[in-house]
Amino acid sequence: MKNIKKAVLFTFLIFGITSSFAKGKIPLGKKEVITVVSELPDNEMYETSENSKVYLDLATIHEEFNVAWILPLWITKDAKLVLYDVKSETYYDVSEEQIAVILEENNINKADVLKVPFYNKYGGKVLFLLIVAGIIWSYMGKKEDNVTPQEV
């Protein structure tokens, strides 16, 4: 009887999750993630041409496929360096030559800053596998012992 209850509960759980995805309640898809890796000096070299006194920082941008905007499952585009305005949340693509000059002027090692955070790279996969394992483990559960009462 317990196995039937678990199977019905598991079916409703899966049906509820898939219908939430289908209705769009839980976002599922690609997302661009920008992470500031180094603050650049506030001078005219790193100032936007659109607005004065808006200074840019060095950031990485990558695209990932995730669930509910918080559970990254895999990276769809590798990280690259861009210039980023934190206030307006705008990034600017610059050429590799310009990035090399910026890195050299500020004594920044490209290998150190061009890394995707651990959670974005592996954490989402681990968390997803733990959730799936928890669902399977709760479905399997413990077997009932067939204990018969005996008179002493």
C-alpha atoms as a PDB file:
ATOM      1  CA  MET A   1       0.000   0.000   0.000  1.00  0.00           C
ATOM      2  CA  LYS A   2       2.848   2.403   0.804  1.00  0.00           C
ATOM      3  CA  ASN A   3       4.431   1.782  -2.597  1.00  0.00           C
ATOM      4  CA  ILE A   4       1.196   2.717  -4.340  1.00  0.00           C
ATOM      5  CA  LYS A   5       0.949   5.934  -2.314  1.00  0.00           C
ATOM      6  CA  LYS A   6       4.547   6.788  -3.158  1.00  0.00           C
ATOM      7  CA  ALA A   7       4.015   6.069  -6.847  1.00  0.00           C
ATOM      8  CA  VAL A   8       0.912   8.288  -6.953  1.00  0.00           C
ATOM      9  CA  LEU A   9       2.698  11.065  -5.045  1.00  0.00           C
ATOM     10  CA  PHE A  10       5.721  10.806  -7.356  1.00  0.00           C
ATOM     11  CA  THR A  11       3.463  10.966 -10.426  1.00  0.00           C
ATOM     12  CA  PHE A  12       1.692  14.104  -9.144  1.00  0.00           C
ATOM     13  CA  LEU A  13       5.048  15.675  -8.281  1.00  0.00           C
ATOM     14  CA  ILE A  14       6.454  15.066 -11.769  1.00  0.00           C
ATOM     15  CA  PHE A  15       3.205  16.210 -13.393  1.00  0.00           C
ATOM     16  CA  GLY A  16       3.202  19.407 -11.306  1.00  0.00           C
ATOM     17  CA  ILE A  17       6.796  20.224 -12.148  1.00  0.00           C
ATOM     18  CA  THR A  18       6.393  19.630 -15.880  1.00  0.00           C
ATOM     19  CA  SER A  19       3.138  21.610 -16.048  1.00  0.00           C
ATOM     20  CA  SER A  20       4.837  24.516 -14.225  1.00  0.00           C
ATOM     21  CA  PHE A  21       7.588  24.513 -16.854  1.00  0.00           C
ATOM     22  CA  ALA A  22       5.025  24.318 -19.663  1.00  0.00           C
ATOM     23  CA  LYS A  23       2.999  27.243 -18.318  1.00  0.00           C
ATOM     24  CA  GLY A  24       6.120  29.320 -17.896  1.00  0.00           C
ATOM     25  CA  LYS A  25       5.853  29.698 -14.128  1.00  0.00           C
ATOM     26  CA  ILE A  26       9.352  28.329 -13.662  1.00  0.00           C
ATOM     27  CA  PRO A  27      11.773  29.932 -16.135  1.00  0.00           C
ATOM     28  CA  LEU A  28      13.912  27.512 -18.082  1.00  0.00           C
ATOM     29  CA  GLY A  29      16.470  28.554 -20.656  1.00  0.00           C
ATOM     30  CA  LYS A  30      19.628  30.463 -21.477  1.00  0.00           C
ATOM     31  CA  LYS A  31      20.839  33.411 -19.432  1.00  0.00           C
ATOM     32  CA  GLU A  32      23.820  35.741 -19.761  1.00  0.00           C
ATOM     33  CA  VAL A  33      25.796  36.106 -16.536  1.00  0.00           C
ATOM     34  CA  ILE A  34      28.142  39.046 -15.975  1.00  0.00           C
ATOM     35  CA  THR A  35      30.670  39.013 -13.139  1.00  0.00           C
ATOM     36  CA  VAL A  36      32.918  41.966 -12.330  1.00  0.00           C
ATOM     37  CA  VAL A  37      36.452  40.609 -11.931  1.00  0.00           C
ATOM     38  CA  SER A  38      38.474  43.809 -11.534  1.00  0.00           C
ATOM     39  CA  GLU A  39      37.723  47.449 -10.888  1.00  0.00           C
ATOM     40  CA  LEU A  40      39.676  49.620 -13.280  1.00  0.00           C
ATOM     41  CA  PRO A  41      41.053  53.040 -12.315  1.00  0.00           C
ATOM     42  CA  ASP A  42      38.609  55.928 -12.642  1.00  0.00           C
ATOM     43  CA  ASN A  43      40.244  57.902 -15.449  1.00  0.00           C
ATOM     44  CA  GLU A  44      39.290  59.093 -18.922  1.00  0.00           C
ATOM     45  CA  MET A  45      40.708  55.930 -20.488  1.00  0.00           C
ATOM     46  CA  TYR A  46      37.917  53.806 -18.971  1.00  0.00           C
ATOM     47  CA  GLU A  47      35.152  56.378 -19.296  1.00  0.00           C
ATOM     48  CA  THR A  48      32.144  55.870 -21.555  1.00  0.00           C
ATOM     49  CA  SER A  49      31.742  58.186 -24.497  1.00  0.00           C
ATOM     50  CA  GLU A  50      27.962  58.412 -23.949  1.00  0.00           C
ATOM     51  CA  ASN A  51      28.052  59.865 -20.447  1.00  0.00           C
ATOM     52  CA  SER A  52      30.909  61.554 -18.716  1.00  0.00           C
ATOM     53  CA  LYS A  53      31.892  60.428 -15.233  1.00  0.00           C
ATOM     54  CA  VAL A  54      30.687  56.878 -15.892  1.00  0.00           C
ATOM     55  CA  TYR A  55      33.634  54.572 -15.456  1.00  0.00           C
ATOM     56  CA  LEU A  56      33.903  51.001 -16.638  1.00  0.00           C
ATOM     57  CA  ASP A  57      35.149  47.875 -14.891  1.00  0.00           C
ATOM     58  CA  LEU A  58      36.579  44.656 -16.269  1.00  0.00           C
ATOM     59  CA  ALA A  59      34.059  41.798 -16.229  1.00  0.00           C
ATOM     60  CA  THR A  60      33.496  38.333 -17.626  1.00  0.00           C
ATOM     61  CA  ILE A  61      30.356  37.358 -19.479  1.00  0.00           C
ATOM     62  CA  HIS A  62      29.192  33.836 -20.247  1.00  0.00           C
ATOM     63  CA  GLU A  63      25.923  32.218 -21.257  1.00  0.00           C
ATOM     64  CA  GLU A  64      24.465  29.313 -19.322  1.00  0.00           C
ATOM     65  CA  PHE A  65      21.394  27.104 -19.491  1.00  0.00           C
ATOM     66  CA  ASN A  66      19.594  27.154 -16.170  1.00  0.00           C
ATOM     67  CA  VAL A  67      16.406  26.430 -14.290  1.00  0.00           C
ATOM     68  CA  ALA A  68      14.546  29.184 -12.417  1.00  0.00           C
ATOM     69  CA  TRP A  69      17.492  31.556 -12.998  1.00  0.00           C
ATOM     70  CA  ILE A  70      19.286  30.074  -9.962  1.00  0.00           C
ATOM     71  CA  LEU A  71      20.228  26.515 -10.955  1.00  0.00           C
ATOM     72  CA  PRO A  72      22.827  26.582 -13.755  1.00  0.00           C
ATOM     73  CA  LEU A  73      23.033  23.198 -15.480  1.00  0.00           C
ATOM     74  CA  TRP A  74      25.665  23.824 -18.158  1.00  0.00           C
ATOM     75  CA  ILE A  75      27.543  26.617 -19.891  1.00  0.00           C
ATOM     76  CA  THR A  76      26.486  27.266 -23.495  1.00  0.00           C
ATOM     77  CA  LYS A  77      29.066  29.980 -24.327  1.00  0.00           C
ATOM     78  CA  ASP A  78      32.520  30.249 -22.806  1.00  0.00           C
ATOM     79  CA  ALA A  79      33.481  33.266 -20.736  1.00  0.00           C
ATOM     80  CA  LYS A  80      35.034  36.299 -22.373  1.00  0.00           C
ATOM     81  CA  LEU A  81      36.269  39.617 -21.027  1.00  0.00           C
ATOM     82  CA  VAL A  82      34.216  42.790 -21.523  1.00  0.00           C
ATOM     83  CA  LEU A  83      34.044  46.299 -20.100  1.00  0.00           C
ATOM     84  CA  TYR A  84      31.025  46.764 -17.842  1.00  0.00           C
ATOM     85  CA  ASP A  85      29.132  49.701 -16.362  1.00  0.00           C
ATOM     86  CA  VAL A  86      27.647  48.545 -13.066  1.00  0.00           C
ATOM     87  CA  LYS A  87      25.208  51.447 -12.677  1.00  0.00           C
ATOM     88  CA  SER A  88      23.468  51.071 -16.028  1.00  0.00           C
ATOM     89  CA  GLU A  89      24.153  47.313 -16.261  1.00  0.00           C
ATOM     90  CA  THR A  90      25.592  47.734 -19.755  1.00  0.00           C
ATOM     91  CA  TYR A  91      28.544  45.845 -21.152  1.00  0.00           C
ATOM     92  CA  TYR A  92      30.776  46.772 -24.062  1.00  0.00           C
ATOM     93  CA  ASP A  93      32.502  44.267 -26.315  1.00  0.00           C
ATOM     94  CA  VAL A  94      36.092  45.201 -27.007  1.00  0.00           C
ATOM     95  CA  SER A  95      38.668  43.548 -29.210  1.00  0.00           C
ATOM     96  CA  GLU A  96      41.237  41.082 -27.919  1.00  0.00           C
ATOM     97  CA  GLU A  97      43.997  43.613 -28.604  1.00  0.00           C
ATOM     98  CA  GLN A  98      42.294  46.237 -26.437  1.00  0.00           C
ATOM     99  CA  ILE A  99      41.724  43.673 -23.664  1.00  0.00           C
ATOM    100  CA  ALA A 100      45.413  42.706 -23.840  1.00  0.00           C
ATOM    101  CA  VAL A 101      46.406  46.367 -23.448  1.00  0.00           C
ATOM    102  CA  ILE A 102      44.048  46.856 -20.488  1.00  0.00           C
ATOM    103  CA  LEU A 103      45.349  43.709 -18.789  1.00  0.00           C
ATOM    104  CA  GLU A 104      48.961  44.740 -19.335  1.00  0.00           C
ATOM    105  CA  GLU A 105      48.447  48.311 -18.076  1.00  0.00           C
ATOM    106  CA  ASN A 106      46.745  47.108 -14.893  1.00  0.00           C
ATOM    107  CA  ASN A 107      49.044  44.115 -14.255  1.00  0.00           C
ATOM    108  CA  ILE A 108      46.201  41.604 -14.470  1.00  0.00           C
ATOM    109  CA  ASN A 109      46.745  37.985 -15.477  1.00  0.00           C
ATOM    110  CA  LYS A 110      44.116  36.866 -18.005  1.00  0.00           C
ATOM    111  CA  ALA A 111      44.083  33.284 -16.716  1.00  0.00           C
ATOM    112  CA  ASP A 112      43.232  34.505 -13.206  1.00  0.00           C
ATOM    113  CA  VAL A 113      40.239  36.623 -14.207  1.00  0.00           C
ATOM    114  CA  LEU A 114      38.816  34.556 -17.065  1.00  0.00           C
ATOM    115  CA  LYS A 115      37.297  31.896 -14.830  1.00  0.00           C
ATOM    116  CA  VAL A 116      33.682  30.884 -14.427  1.00  0.00           C
ATOM    117  CA  PRO A 117      32.644  30.683 -10.752  1.00  0.00           C
ATOM    118  CA  PHE A 118      32.526  27.155  -9.285  1.00  0.00           C
ATOM    119  CA  TYR A 119      28.761  27.210  -8.657  1.00  0.00           C
ATOM    120  CA  ASN A 120      28.022  28.254 -12.220  1.00  0.00           C
ATOM    121  CA  LYS A 121      30.325  25.572 -13.607  1.00  0.00           C
ATOM    122  CA  TYR A 122      29.673  22.585 -11.317  1.00  0.00           C
ATOM    123  CA  GLY A 123      27.377  23.565  -8.449  1.00  0.00           C
ATOM    124  CA  GLY A 124      24.163  23.483 -10.442  1.00  0.00           C
ATOM    125  CA  LYS A 125      24.907  19.998 -11.736  1.00  0.00           C
ATOM    126  CA  VAL A 126      25.691  18.705  -8.251  1.00  0.00           C
ATOM    127  CA  LEU A 127      22.553  20.269  -6.787  1.00  0.00           C
ATOM    128  CA  PHE A 128      20.414  18.922  -9.638  1.00  0.00           C
ATOM    129  CA  LEU A 129      21.809  15.403  -9.156  1.00  0.00           C
ATOM    130  CA  LEU A 130      21.161  15.623  -5.407  1.00  0.00           C
ATOM    131  CA  ILE A 131      17.551  16.636  -6.029  1.00  0.00           C
ATOM    132  CA  VAL A 132      17.040  13.762  -8.479  1.00  0.00           C
ATOM    133  CA  ALA A 133      18.759  11.307  -6.103  1.00  0.00           C
ATOM    134  CA  GLY A 134      16.548  12.531  -3.246  1.00  0.00           C
ATOM    135  CA  ILE A 135      13.408  11.993  -5.301  1.00  0.00           C
ATOM    136  CA  ILE A 136      14.524   8.500  -6.309  1.00  0.00           C
ATOM    137  CA  TRP A 137      15.596   7.638  -2.764  1.00  0.00           C
ATOM    138  CA  SER A 138      12.268   8.817  -1.306  1.00  0.00           C
ATOM    139  CA  TYR A 139      10.429   6.823  -3.963  1.00  0.00           C
ATOM    140  CA  MET A 140      12.366   3.667  -3.183  1.00  0.00           C
ATOM    141  CA  GLY A 141      12.217   4.163   0.563  1.00  0.00           C
ATOM    142  CA  LYS A 142      12.784   1.437   3.061  1.00  0.00           C
ATOM    143  CA  LYS A 143      11.210  -1.943   2.632  1.00  0.00           C
ATOM    144  CA  GLU A 144       8.753  -3.082   5.260  1.00  0.00           C
ATOM    145  CA  ASP A 145       9.930  -5.936   7.390  1.00  0.00           C
ATOM    146  CA  ASN A 146       7.564  -8.879   7.418  1.00  0.00           C
ATOM    147  CA  VAL A 147       7.542  -9.485  11.152  1.00  0.00           C
ATOM    148  CA  THR A 148       5.013 -11.886  12.539  1.00  0.00           C
ATOM    149  CA  PRO A 149       4.061 -11.740  16.189  1.00  0.00           C
ATOM    150  CA  GLN A 150       4.960 -14.791  18.263  1.00  0.00           C
ATOM    151  CA  GLU A 151       3.754 -15.859  21.623  1.00  0.00           C
ATOM    152  CA  VAL A 152       6.345 -16.266  24.319  1.00  0.00           C
END
